[in-house]
Amino acid sequence: MLTELARREPLFHQPLTRADFLRQTADDFSETGASGQVYDREFVWSVLAERFASGEPDETGPATDLQVRELAVDTYLVTYALTQGVRRTRRATVWQRRGADWVALYHQGTVVA
């Protein structure tokens, strides 16, 4: 399971089309940012679309310290560390299998002090 879900992380750090984003996220997807602010699916897409359109290189390194924990049938929590330039964060994504697909239900990033 770890290998299968690890391919989907780091979440949103590879160029996506809107169709890809919608397919990979639940209708009620939300993200809690490092500030503690909660963002809905549409807001997250607007930020990603702007980032992808800018063409600026993503300084995100590979996800490390990946771990997976089953929360319920077909629902898993994936946690990992991520380095972006000098900023290091701990990330968590809740994934759910729906048929042959996986969708993200929730994502959170916390800055490591």
PDB file of N, CA and C in Angstrom:
ATOM      1  N   MET A   1       0.821  -1.189   0.000  1.00  0.00           N
ATOM      2  CA  MET A   1       0.000   0.000   0.000  1.00  0.00           C
ATOM      3  C   MET A   1       0.868   1.259   0.000  1.00  0.00           C
ATOM      4  N   LEU A   2       1.960   1.217   0.762  1.00  0.00           N
ATOM      5  CA  LEU A   2       2.840   2.382   0.834  1.00  0.00           C
ATOM      6  C   LEU A   2       3.346   2.763  -0.545  1.00  0.00           C
ATOM      7  N   THR A   3       3.785   1.788  -1.324  1.00  0.00           N
ATOM      8  CA  THR A   3       4.308   2.071  -2.664  1.00  0.00           C
ATOM      9  C   THR A   3       3.246   2.711  -3.539  1.00  0.00           C
ATOM     10  N   GLU A   4       2.053   2.168  -3.498  1.00  0.00           N
ATOM     11  CA  GLU A   4       0.964   2.693  -4.330  1.00  0.00           C
ATOM     12  C   GLU A   4       0.614   4.134  -3.958  1.00  0.00           C
ATOM     13  N   LEU A   5       0.521   4.423  -2.682  1.00  0.00           N
ATOM     14  CA  LEU A   5       0.165   5.776  -2.257  1.00  0.00           C
ATOM     15  C   LEU A   5       1.343   6.738  -2.350  1.00  0.00           C
ATOM     16  N   ALA A   6       2.558   6.240  -2.174  1.00  0.00           N
ATOM     17  CA  ALA A   6       3.740   7.100  -2.265  1.00  0.00           C
ATOM     18  C   ALA A   6       3.878   7.724  -3.647  1.00  0.00           C
ATOM     19  N   ARG A   7       3.402   7.034  -4.677  1.00  0.00           N
ATOM     20  CA  ARG A   7       3.464   7.595  -6.040  1.00  0.00           C
ATOM     21  C   ARG A   7       2.621   8.860  -6.165  1.00  0.00           C
ATOM     22  N   ARG A   8       1.681   9.055  -5.287  1.00  0.00           N
ATOM     23  CA  ARG A   8       0.780  10.205  -5.346  1.00  0.00           C
ATOM     24  C   ARG A   8       1.296  11.388  -4.527  1.00  0.00           C
ATOM     25  N   GLU A   9       2.402  11.206  -3.851  1.00  0.00           N
ATOM     26  CA  GLU A   9       2.970  12.261  -3.017  1.00  0.00           C
ATOM     27  C   GLU A   9       4.331  12.679  -3.570  1.00  0.00           C
ATOM     28  N   PRO A  10       4.781  13.921  -3.377  1.00  0.00           N
ATOM     29  CA  PRO A  10       4.063  14.940  -2.636  1.00  0.00           C
ATOM     30  C   PRO A  10       2.863  15.463  -3.430  1.00  0.00           C
ATOM     31  N   LEU A  11       1.771  15.585  -2.747  1.00  0.00           N
ATOM     32  CA  LEU A  11       0.517  16.020  -3.344  1.00  0.00           C
ATOM     33  C   LEU A  11       0.650  17.442  -3.882  1.00  0.00           C
ATOM     34  N   PHE A  12       0.265  17.639  -5.132  1.00  0.00           N
ATOM     35  CA  PHE A  12       0.180  18.956  -5.779  1.00  0.00           C
ATOM     36  C   PHE A  12       1.530  19.605  -6.079  1.00  0.00           C
ATOM     37  N   HIS A  13       2.604  18.844  -6.113  1.00  0.00           N
ATOM     38  CA  HIS A  13       3.894  19.431  -6.461  1.00  0.00           C
ATOM     39  C   HIS A  13       4.384  18.942  -7.813  1.00  0.00           C
ATOM     40  N   GLN A  14       3.469  18.556  -8.653  1.00  0.00           N
ATOM     41  CA  GLN A  14       3.758  18.220 -10.038  1.00  0.00           C
ATOM     42  C   GLN A  14       2.619  18.803 -10.862  1.00  0.00           C
ATOM     43  N   PRO A  15       2.932  19.343 -12.032  1.00  0.00           N
ATOM     44  CA  PRO A  15       1.887  20.011 -12.817  1.00  0.00           C
ATOM     45  C   PRO A  15       0.675  19.111 -13.053  1.00  0.00           C
ATOM     46  N   LEU A  16      -0.498  19.686 -12.832  1.00  0.00           N
ATOM     47  CA  LEU A  16      -1.762  18.984 -13.008  1.00  0.00           C
ATOM     48  C   LEU A  16      -2.683  19.811 -13.891  1.00  0.00           C
ATOM     49  N   THR A  17      -3.529  19.150 -14.621  1.00  0.00           N
ATOM     50  CA  THR A  17      -4.622  19.856 -15.280  1.00  0.00           C
ATOM     51  C   THR A  17      -5.766  19.938 -14.271  1.00  0.00           C
ATOM     52  N   ARG A  18      -6.727  20.783 -14.561  1.00  0.00           N
ATOM     53  CA  ARG A  18      -7.894  20.865 -13.674  1.00  0.00           C
ATOM     54  C   ARG A  18      -8.594  19.507 -13.598  1.00  0.00           C
ATOM     55  N   ALA A  19      -8.678  18.820 -14.730  1.00  0.00           N
ATOM     56  CA  ALA A  19      -9.323  17.498 -14.743  1.00  0.00           C
ATOM     57  C   ALA A  19      -8.575  16.525 -13.836  1.00  0.00           C
ATOM     58  N   ASP A  20      -7.230  16.545 -13.875  1.00  0.00           N
ATOM     59  CA  ASP A  20      -6.431  15.687 -12.988  1.00  0.00           C
ATOM     60  C   ASP A  20      -6.717  16.019 -11.524  1.00  0.00           C
ATOM     61  N   PHE A  21      -6.722  17.315 -11.226  1.00  0.00           N
ATOM     62  CA  PHE A  21      -6.962  17.766  -9.854  1.00  0.00           C
ATOM     63  C   PHE A  21      -8.330  17.302  -9.356  1.00  0.00           C
ATOM     64  N   LEU A  22      -9.351  17.478 -10.180  1.00  0.00           N
ATOM     65  CA  LEU A  22     -10.702  17.082  -9.783  1.00  0.00           C
ATOM     66  C   LEU A  22     -10.809  15.572  -9.594  1.00  0.00           C
ATOM     67  N   ARG A  23     -10.095  14.827 -10.432  1.00  0.00           N
ATOM     68  CA  ARG A  23     -10.118  13.367 -10.329  1.00  0.00           C
ATOM     69  C   ARG A  23      -9.393  12.893  -9.058  1.00  0.00           C
ATOM     70  N   GLN A  24      -8.373  13.630  -8.625  1.00  0.00           N
ATOM     71  CA  GLN A  24      -7.554  13.217  -7.483  1.00  0.00           C
ATOM     72  C   GLN A  24      -8.048  13.732  -6.136  1.00  0.00           C
ATOM     73  N   THR A  25      -9.061  14.597  -6.139  1.00  0.00           N
ATOM     74  CA  THR A  25      -9.553  15.163  -4.886  1.00  0.00           C
ATOM     75  C   THR A  25     -11.056  14.928  -4.745  1.00  0.00           C
ATOM     76  N   ALA A  26     -11.486  14.697  -3.516  1.00  0.00           N
ATOM     77  CA  ALA A  26     -12.911  14.518  -3.233  1.00  0.00           C
ATOM     78  C   ALA A  26     -13.636  15.850  -3.395  1.00  0.00           C
ATOM     79  N   ASP A  27     -14.923  15.784  -3.673  1.00  0.00           N
ATOM     80  CA  ASP A  27     -15.719  17.006  -3.823  1.00  0.00           C
ATOM     81  C   ASP A  27     -15.608  17.902  -2.596  1.00  0.00           C
ATOM     82  N   ASP A  28     -15.529  17.303  -1.413  1.00  0.00           N
ATOM     83  CA  ASP A  28     -15.446  18.084  -0.176  1.00  0.00           C
ATOM     84  C   ASP A  28     -14.010  18.144   0.373  1.00  0.00           C
ATOM     85  N   PHE A  29     -13.019  17.983  -0.501  1.00  0.00           N
ATOM     86  CA  PHE A  29     -11.609  18.064  -0.113  1.00  0.00           C
ATOM     87  C   PHE A  29     -11.340  19.386   0.603  1.00  0.00           C
ATOM     88  N   SER A  30     -10.482  19.325   1.616  1.00  0.00           N
ATOM     89  CA  SER A  30     -10.007  20.548   2.255  1.00  0.00           C
ATOM     90  C   SER A  30      -8.543  20.374   2.631  1.00  0.00           C
ATOM     91  N   GLU A  31      -7.893  21.505   2.792  1.00  0.00           N
ATOM     92  CA  GLU A  31      -6.485  21.530   3.179  1.00  0.00           C
ATOM     93  C   GLU A  31      -6.326  22.513   4.325  1.00  0.00           C
ATOM     94  N   THR A  32      -5.539  22.127   5.320  1.00  0.00           N
ATOM     95  CA  THR A  32      -5.170  23.042   6.385  1.00  0.00           C
ATOM     96  C   THR A  32      -3.727  23.444   6.132  1.00  0.00           C
ATOM     97  N   GLY A  33      -3.513  24.737   5.927  1.00  0.00           N
ATOM     98  CA  GLY A  33      -2.179  25.243   5.644  1.00  0.00           C
ATOM     99  C   GLY A  33      -1.352  25.392   6.908  1.00  0.00           C
ATOM    100  N   ALA A  34      -0.076  25.726   6.715  1.00  0.00           N
ATOM    101  CA  ALA A  34       0.845  25.883   7.839  1.00  0.00           C
ATOM    102  C   ALA A  34       0.378  26.978   8.800  1.00  0.00           C
ATOM    103  N   SER A  35      -0.403  27.940   8.292  1.00  0.00           N
ATOM    104  CA  SER A  35      -0.915  29.032   9.125  1.00  0.00           C
ATOM    105  C   SER A  35      -2.084  28.596   9.999  1.00  0.00           C
ATOM    106  N   GLY A  36      -2.641  27.417   9.693  1.00  0.00           N
ATOM    107  CA  GLY A  36      -3.836  26.959  10.387  1.00  0.00           C
ATOM    108  C   GLY A  36      -5.114  27.289   9.632  1.00  0.00           C
ATOM    109  N   GLN A  37      -4.995  28.071   8.580  1.00  0.00           N
ATOM    110  CA  GLN A  37      -6.146  28.429   7.750  1.00  0.00           C
ATOM    111  C   GLN A  37      -6.624  27.200   6.979  1.00  0.00           C
ATOM    112  N   VAL A  38      -7.939  27.030   6.873  1.00  0.00           N
ATOM    113  CA  VAL A  38      -8.522  25.911   6.135  1.00  0.00           C
ATOM    114  C   VAL A  38      -8.962  26.404   4.763  1.00  0.00           C
ATOM    115  N   TYR A  39      -8.596  25.649   3.732  1.00  0.00           N
ATOM    116  CA  TYR A  39      -8.898  26.023   2.351  1.00  0.00           C
ATOM    117  C   TYR A  39      -9.760  24.947   1.707  1.00  0.00           C
ATOM    118  N   ASP A  40     -10.732  25.377   0.904  1.00  0.00           N
ATOM    119  CA  ASP A  40     -11.574  24.410   0.203  1.00  0.00           C
ATOM    120  C   ASP A  40     -10.946  24.027  -1.132  1.00  0.00           C
ATOM    121  N   ARG A  41     -11.552  23.093  -1.784  1.00  0.00           N
ATOM    122  CA  ARG A  41     -11.034  22.529  -3.035  1.00  0.00           C
ATOM    123  C   ARG A  41     -10.817  23.599  -4.110  1.00  0.00           C
ATOM    124  N   GLU A  42     -11.775  24.485  -4.292  1.00  0.00           N
ATOM    125  CA  GLU A  42     -11.659  25.506  -5.339  1.00  0.00           C
ATOM    126  C   GLU A  42     -10.527  26.478  -5.057  1.00  0.00           C
ATOM    127  N   PHE A  43     -10.353  26.865  -3.797  1.00  0.00           N
ATOM    128  CA  PHE A  43      -9.260  27.770  -3.467  1.00  0.00           C
ATOM    129  C   PHE A  43      -7.916  27.099  -3.731  1.00  0.00           C
ATOM    130  N   VAL A  44      -7.789  25.848  -3.315  1.00  0.00           N
ATOM    131  CA  VAL A  44      -6.535  25.119  -3.543  1.00  0.00           C
ATOM    132  C   VAL A  44      -6.246  25.049  -5.035  1.00  0.00           C
ATOM    133  N   TRP A  45      -7.256  24.747  -5.854  1.00  0.00           N
ATOM    134  CA  TRP A  45      -7.032  24.692  -7.300  1.00  0.00           C
ATOM    135  C   TRP A  45      -6.587  26.049  -7.829  1.00  0.00           C
ATOM    136  N   SER A  46      -7.179  27.138  -7.376  1.00  0.00           N
ATOM    137  CA  SER A  46      -6.807  28.461  -7.892  1.00  0.00           C
ATOM    138  C   SER A  46      -5.342  28.773  -7.594  1.00  0.00           C
ATOM    139  N   VAL A  47      -4.869  28.393  -6.416  1.00  0.00           N
ATOM    140  CA  VAL A  47      -3.459  28.607  -6.060  1.00  0.00           C
ATOM    141  C   VAL A  47      -2.556  27.734  -6.932  1.00  0.00           C
ATOM    142  N   LEU A  48      -2.928  26.481  -7.107  1.00  0.00           N
ATOM    143  CA  LEU A  48      -2.126  25.575  -7.939  1.00  0.00           C
ATOM    144  C   LEU A  48      -2.089  26.040  -9.386  1.00  0.00           C
ATOM    145  N   ALA A  49      -3.225  26.434  -9.931  1.00  0.00           N
ATOM    146  CA  ALA A  49      -3.284  26.878 -11.327  1.00  0.00           C
ATOM    147  C   ALA A  49      -2.368  28.074 -11.542  1.00  0.00           C
ATOM    148  N   GLU A  50      -2.360  28.993 -10.588  1.00  0.00           N
ATOM    149  CA  GLU A  50      -1.484  30.163 -10.677  1.00  0.00           C
ATOM    150  C   GLU A  50      -0.018  29.735 -10.626  1.00  0.00           C
ATOM    151  N   ARG A  51       0.303  28.818  -9.725  1.00  0.00           N
ATOM    152  CA  ARG A  51       1.688  28.341  -9.604  1.00  0.00           C
ATOM    153  C   ARG A  51       2.142  27.658 -10.892  1.00  0.00           C
ATOM    154  N   PHE A  52       1.313  26.766 -11.432  1.00  0.00           N
ATOM    155  CA  PHE A  52       1.683  26.044 -12.645  1.00  0.00           C
ATOM    156  C   PHE A  52       1.820  26.995 -13.826  1.00  0.00           C
ATOM    157  N   ALA A  53       0.955  28.009 -13.908  1.00  0.00           N
ATOM    158  CA  ALA A  53       0.986  28.963 -15.020  1.00  0.00           C
ATOM    159  C   ALA A  53       2.215  29.858 -14.958  1.00  0.00           C
ATOM    160  N   SER A  54       2.749  30.093 -13.761  1.00  0.00           N
ATOM    161  CA  SER A  54       3.901  30.987 -13.615  1.00  0.00           C
ATOM    162  C   SER A  54       5.155  30.410 -14.256  1.00  0.00           C
ATOM    163  N   GLY A  55       5.219  29.086 -14.357  1.00  0.00           N
ATOM    164  CA  GLY A  55       6.387  28.453 -14.958  1.00  0.00           C
ATOM    165  C   GLY A  55       7.613  28.449 -14.061  1.00  0.00           C
ATOM    166  N   GLU A  56       7.484  28.960 -12.843  1.00  0.00           N
ATOM    167  CA  GLU A  56       8.622  28.962 -11.931  1.00  0.00           C
ATOM    168  C   GLU A  56       8.940  27.535 -11.504  1.00  0.00           C
ATOM    169  N   PRO A  57      10.231  27.216 -11.409  1.00  0.00           N
ATOM    170  CA  PRO A  57      10.587  25.848 -11.006  1.00  0.00           C
ATOM    171  C   PRO A  57      10.147  25.571  -9.571  1.00  0.00           C
ATOM    172  N   ASP A  58       9.732  24.360  -9.333  1.00  0.00           N
ATOM    173  CA  ASP A  58       9.326  23.921  -8.002  1.00  0.00           C
ATOM    174  C   ASP A  58      10.571  23.384  -7.304  1.00  0.00           C
ATOM    175  N   GLU A  59      10.945  23.999  -6.195  1.00  0.00           N
ATOM    176  CA  GLU A  59      12.149  23.590  -5.465  1.00  0.00           C
ATOM    177  C   GLU A  59      11.874  22.464  -4.475  1.00  0.00           C
ATOM    178  N   THR A  60      10.781  21.769  -4.665  1.00  0.00           N
ATOM    179  CA  THR A  60      10.401  20.712  -3.743  1.00  0.00           C
ATOM    180  C   THR A  60      11.242  19.465  -3.960  1.00  0.00           C
ATOM    181  N   GLY A  61      11.828  18.984  -2.890  1.00  0.00           N
ATOM    182  CA  GLY A  61      12.570  17.736  -2.952  1.00  0.00           C
ATOM    183  C   GLY A  61      11.618  16.562  -2.863  1.00  0.00           C
ATOM    184  N   PRO A  62      12.154  15.358  -2.909  1.00  0.00           N
ATOM    185  CA  PRO A  62      11.290  14.176  -2.815  1.00  0.00           C
ATOM    186  C   PRO A  62      10.706  14.026  -1.406  1.00  0.00           C
ATOM    187  N   ALA A  63       9.567  13.393  -1.332  1.00  0.00           N
ATOM    188  CA  ALA A  63       8.965  13.078  -0.034  1.00  0.00           C
ATOM    189  C   ALA A  63       9.851  12.049   0.664  1.00  0.00           C
ATOM    190  N   THR A  64      10.111  12.264   1.949  1.00  0.00           N
ATOM    191  CA  THR A  64      10.928  11.335   2.730  1.00  0.00           C
ATOM    192  C   THR A  64      10.150  10.909   3.973  1.00  0.00           C
ATOM    193  N   ASP A  65      10.654   9.896   4.627  1.00  0.00           N
ATOM    194  CA  ASP A  65      10.046   9.386   5.856  1.00  0.00           C
ATOM    195  C   ASP A  65       8.563   9.065   5.654  1.00  0.00           C
ATOM    196  N   LEU A  66       8.258   8.466   4.517  1.00  0.00           N
ATOM    197  CA  LEU A  66       6.870   8.111   4.201  1.00  0.00           C
ATOM    198  C   LEU A  66       6.371   6.991   5.104  1.00  0.00           C
ATOM    199  N   GLN A  67       5.169   7.188   5.615  1.00  0.00           N
ATOM    200  CA  GLN A  67       4.512   6.166   6.425  1.00  0.00           C
ATOM    201  C   GLN A  67       3.041   6.133   6.045  1.00  0.00           C
ATOM    202  N   VAL A  68       2.438   4.976   6.184  1.00  0.00           N
ATOM    203  CA  VAL A  68       1.016   4.836   5.867  1.00  0.00           C
ATOM    204  C   VAL A  68       0.324   4.100   7.011  1.00  0.00           C
ATOM    205  N   ARG A  69      -0.874   4.544   7.312  1.00  0.00           N
ATOM    206  CA  ARG A  69      -1.665   3.917   8.376  1.00  0.00           C
ATOM    207  C   ARG A  69      -3.099   3.773   7.883  1.00  0.00           C
ATOM    208  N   GLU A  70      -3.643   2.577   8.024  1.00  0.00           N
ATOM    209  CA  GLU A  70      -5.030   2.355   7.630  1.00  0.00           C
ATOM    210  C   GLU A  70      -5.948   2.961   8.692  1.00  0.00           C
ATOM    211  N   LEU A  71      -6.878   3.811   8.246  1.00  0.00           N
ATOM    212  CA  LEU A  71      -7.833   4.445   9.152  1.00  0.00           C
ATOM    213  C   LEU A  71      -9.175   3.722   9.166  1.00  0.00           C
ATOM    214  N   ALA A  72      -9.558   3.217   8.005  1.00  0.00           N
ATOM    215  CA  ALA A  72     -10.826   2.504   7.831  1.00  0.00           C
ATOM    216  C   ALA A  72     -10.700   1.712   6.536  1.00  0.00           C
ATOM    217  N   VAL A  73     -11.711   0.955   6.198  1.00  0.00           N
ATOM    218  CA  VAL A  73     -11.680   0.188   4.954  1.00  0.00           C
ATOM    219  C   VAL A  73     -11.436   1.149   3.785  1.00  0.00           C
ATOM    220  N   ASP A  74     -10.385   0.880   3.007  1.00  0.00           N
ATOM    221  CA  ASP A  74     -10.030   1.670   1.822  1.00  0.00           C
ATOM    222  C   ASP A  74      -9.691   3.126   2.114  1.00  0.00           C
ATOM    223  N   THR A  75      -9.346   3.467   3.348  1.00  0.00           N
ATOM    224  CA  THR A  75      -9.003   4.841   3.718  1.00  0.00           C
ATOM    225  C   THR A  75      -7.697   4.823   4.508  1.00  0.00           C
ATOM    226  N   TYR A  76      -6.731   5.637   4.052  1.00  0.00           N
ATOM    227  CA  TYR A  76      -5.384   5.600   4.616  1.00  0.00           C
ATOM    228  C   TYR A  76      -4.854   7.002   4.875  1.00  0.00           C
ATOM    229  N   LEU A  77      -4.056   7.120   5.914  1.00  0.00           N
ATOM    230  CA  LEU A  77      -3.330   8.341   6.222  1.00  0.00           C
ATOM    231  C   LEU A  77      -1.892   8.149   5.771  1.00  0.00           C
ATOM    232  N   VAL A  78      -1.410   9.050   4.931  1.00  0.00           N
ATOM    233  CA  VAL A  78      -0.018   9.026   4.487  1.00  0.00           C
ATOM    234  C   VAL A  78       0.668  10.244   5.093  1.00  0.00           C
ATOM    235  N   THR A  79       1.773  10.016   5.795  1.00  0.00           N
ATOM    236  CA  THR A  79       2.547  11.116   6.361  1.00  0.00           C
ATOM    237  C   THR A  79       3.950  11.074   5.782  1.00  0.00           C
ATOM    238  N   TYR A  80       4.561  12.261   5.677  1.00  0.00           N
ATOM    239  CA  TYR A  80       5.904  12.343   5.113  1.00  0.00           C
ATOM    240  C   TYR A  80       6.510  13.704   5.415  1.00  0.00           C
ATOM    241  N   ALA A  81       7.804  13.818   5.178  1.00  0.00           N
ATOM    242  CA  ALA A  81       8.522  15.082   5.309  1.00  0.00           C
ATOM    243  C   ALA A  81       8.815  15.603   3.907  1.00  0.00           C
ATOM    244  N   LEU A  82       8.873  16.928   3.794  1.00  0.00           N
ATOM    245  CA  LEU A  82       9.116  17.554   2.498  1.00  0.00           C
ATOM    246  C   LEU A  82      10.008  18.764   2.699  1.00  0.00           C
ATOM    247  N   THR A  83      11.010  18.910   1.843  1.00  0.00           N
ATOM    248  CA  THR A  83      11.891  20.070   1.886  1.00  0.00           C
ATOM    249  C   THR A  83      11.676  20.886   0.626  1.00  0.00           C
ATOM    250  N   GLN A  84      11.448  22.198   0.821  1.00  0.00           N
ATOM    251  CA  GLN A  84      11.263  23.133  -0.285  1.00  0.00           C
ATOM    252  C   GLN A  84      12.261  24.264  -0.069  1.00  0.00           C
ATOM    253  N   GLY A  85      13.379  24.224  -0.786  1.00  0.00           N
ATOM    254  CA  GLY A  85      14.439  25.195  -0.527  1.00  0.00           C
ATOM    255  C   GLY A  85      14.959  24.974   0.883  1.00  0.00           C
ATOM    256  N   VAL A  86      14.842  26.010   1.753  1.00  0.00           N
ATOM    257  CA  VAL A  86      15.300  25.881   3.142  1.00  0.00           C
ATOM    258  C   VAL A  86      14.156  25.531   4.095  1.00  0.00           C
ATOM    259  N   ARG A  87      12.949  25.485   3.587  1.00  0.00           N
ATOM    260  CA  ARG A  87      11.767  25.206   4.428  1.00  0.00           C
ATOM    261  C   ARG A  87      11.483  23.706   4.478  1.00  0.00           C
ATOM    262  N   ARG A  88      11.354  23.187   5.698  1.00  0.00           N
ATOM    263  CA  ARG A  88      11.031  21.767   5.881  1.00  0.00           C
ATOM    264  C   ARG A  88       9.647  21.672   6.518  1.00  0.00           C
ATOM    265  N   THR A  89       8.826  20.782   5.975  1.00  0.00           N
ATOM    266  CA  THR A  89       7.470  20.596   6.488  1.00  0.00           C
ATOM    267  C   THR A  89       7.185  19.117   6.711  1.00  0.00           C
ATOM    268  N   ARG A  90       6.210  18.874   7.574  1.00  0.00           N
ATOM    269  CA  ARG A  90       5.639  17.538   7.746  1.00  0.00           C
ATOM    270  C   ARG A  90       4.271  17.602   7.088  1.00  0.00           C
ATOM    271  N   ARG A  91       3.937  16.594   6.292  1.00  0.00           N
ATOM    272  CA  ARG A  91       2.686  16.583   5.539  1.00  0.00           C
ATOM    273  C   ARG A  91       1.861  15.363   5.903  1.00  0.00           C
ATOM    274  N   ALA A  92       0.561  15.506   5.757  1.00  0.00           N
ATOM    275  CA  ALA A  92      -0.365  14.399   5.988  1.00  0.00           C
ATOM    276  C   ALA A  92      -1.482  14.491   4.955  1.00  0.00           C
ATOM    277  N   THR A  93      -1.779  13.371   4.321  1.00  0.00           N
ATOM    278  CA  THR A  93      -2.877  13.299   3.364  1.00  0.00           C
ATOM    279  C   THR A  93      -3.723  12.082   3.697  1.00  0.00           C
ATOM    280  N   VAL A  94      -5.034  12.271   3.700  1.00  0.00           N
ATOM    281  CA  VAL A  94      -5.959  11.153   3.863  1.00  0.00           C
ATOM    282  C   VAL A  94      -6.438  10.770   2.472  1.00  0.00           C
ATOM    283  N   TRP A  95      -6.153   9.521   2.090  1.00  0.00           N
ATOM    284  CA  TRP A  95      -6.524   8.982   0.779  1.00  0.00           C
ATOM    285  C   TRP A  95      -7.614   7.931   0.940  1.00  0.00           C
ATOM    286  N   GLN A  96      -8.514   7.898  -0.030  1.00  0.00           N
ATOM    287  CA  GLN A  96      -9.559   6.874  -0.024  1.00  0.00           C
ATOM    288  C   GLN A  96      -9.656   6.247  -1.407  1.00  0.00           C
ATOM    289  N   ARG A  97      -9.699   4.913  -1.420  1.00  0.00           N
ATOM    290  CA  ARG A  97      -9.877   4.200  -2.692  1.00  0.00           C
ATOM    291  C   ARG A  97     -11.361   4.220  -3.037  1.00  0.00           C
ATOM    292  N   ARG A  98     -11.638   4.632  -4.273  1.00  0.00           N
ATOM    293  CA  ARG A  98     -13.013   4.641  -4.783  1.00  0.00           C
ATOM    294  C   ARG A  98     -12.997   3.932  -6.122  1.00  0.00           C
ATOM    295  N   GLY A  99     -13.378   2.672  -6.097  1.00  0.00           N
ATOM    296  CA  GLY A  99     -13.276   1.855  -7.303  1.00  0.00           C
ATOM    297  C   GLY A  99     -11.815   1.627  -7.611  1.00  0.00           C
ATOM    298  N   ALA A 100     -11.403   1.954  -8.832  1.00  0.00           N
ATOM    299  CA  ALA A 100     -10.006   1.785  -9.240  1.00  0.00           C
ATOM    300  C   ALA A 100      -9.171   3.025  -8.948  1.00  0.00           C
ATOM    301  N   ASP A 101      -9.795   4.096  -8.487  1.00  0.00           N
ATOM    302  CA  ASP A 101      -9.099   5.368  -8.280  1.00  0.00           C
ATOM    303  C   ASP A 101      -8.855   5.652  -6.802  1.00  0.00           C
ATOM    304  N   TRP A 102      -7.924   6.573  -6.557  1.00  0.00           N
ATOM    305  CA  TRP A 102      -7.663   7.095  -5.229  1.00  0.00           C
ATOM    306  C   TRP A 102      -8.008   8.569  -5.234  1.00  0.00           C
ATOM    307  N   VAL A 103      -8.662   9.042  -4.178  1.00  0.00           N
ATOM    308  CA  VAL A 103      -8.948  10.470  -4.054  1.00  0.00           C
ATOM    309  C   VAL A 103      -8.450  10.958  -2.703  1.00  0.00           C
ATOM    310  N   ALA A 104      -7.932  12.183  -2.707  1.00  0.00           N
ATOM    311  CA  ALA A 104      -7.500  12.816  -1.468  1.00  0.00           C
ATOM    312  C   ALA A 104      -8.717  13.456  -0.810  1.00  0.00           C
ATOM    313  N   LEU A 105      -8.911  13.150   0.468  1.00  0.00           N
ATOM    314  CA  LEU A 105     -10.007  13.734   1.231  1.00  0.00           C
ATOM    315  C   LEU A 105      -9.552  14.980   1.978  1.00  0.00           C
ATOM    316  N   TYR A 106      -8.286  14.957   2.428  1.00  0.00           N
ATOM    317  CA  TYR A 106      -7.777  16.017   3.298  1.00  0.00           C
ATOM    318  C   TYR A 106      -6.257  16.049   3.190  1.00  0.00           C
ATOM    319  N   HIS A 107      -5.699  17.260   3.329  1.00  0.00           N
ATOM    320  CA  HIS A 107      -4.245  17.418   3.311  1.00  0.00           C
ATOM    321  C   HIS A 107      -3.868  18.500   4.312  1.00  0.00           C
ATOM    322  N   GLN A 108      -2.726  18.311   4.974  1.00  0.00           N
ATOM    323  CA  GLN A 108      -2.227  19.323   5.900  1.00  0.00           C
ATOM    324  C   GLN A 108      -0.718  19.382   5.816  1.00  0.00           C
ATOM    325  N   GLY A 109      -0.196  20.600   5.920  1.00  0.00           N
ATOM    326  CA  GLY A 109       1.242  20.814   5.977  1.00  0.00           C
ATOM    327  C   GLY A 109       1.584  21.624   7.216  1.00  0.00           C
ATOM    328  N   THR A 110       2.615  21.207   7.942  1.00  0.00           N
ATOM    329  CA  THR A 110       3.046  21.899   9.153  1.00  0.00           C
ATOM    330  C   THR A 110       4.533  22.180   9.039  1.00  0.00           C
ATOM    331  N   VAL A 111       4.922  23.430   9.236  1.00  0.00           N
ATOM    332  CA  VAL A 111       6.332  23.807   9.151  1.00  0.00           C
ATOM    333  C   VAL A 111       7.075  23.243  10.356  1.00  0.00           C
ATOM    334  N   VAL A 112       8.240  22.649  10.094  1.00  0.00           N
ATOM    335  CA  VAL A 112       9.099  22.132  11.156  1.00  0.00           C
ATOM    336  C   VAL A 112       9.945  23.287  11.665  1.00  0.00           C
ATOM    337  N   ALA A 113       9.888  23.524  12.964  1.00  0.00           N
ATOM    338  CA  ALA A 113      10.632  24.646  13.558  1.00  0.00           C
ATOM    339  C   ALA A 113      12.103  24.329  13.647  1.00  0.00           C
TER     340      ALA A 113
END
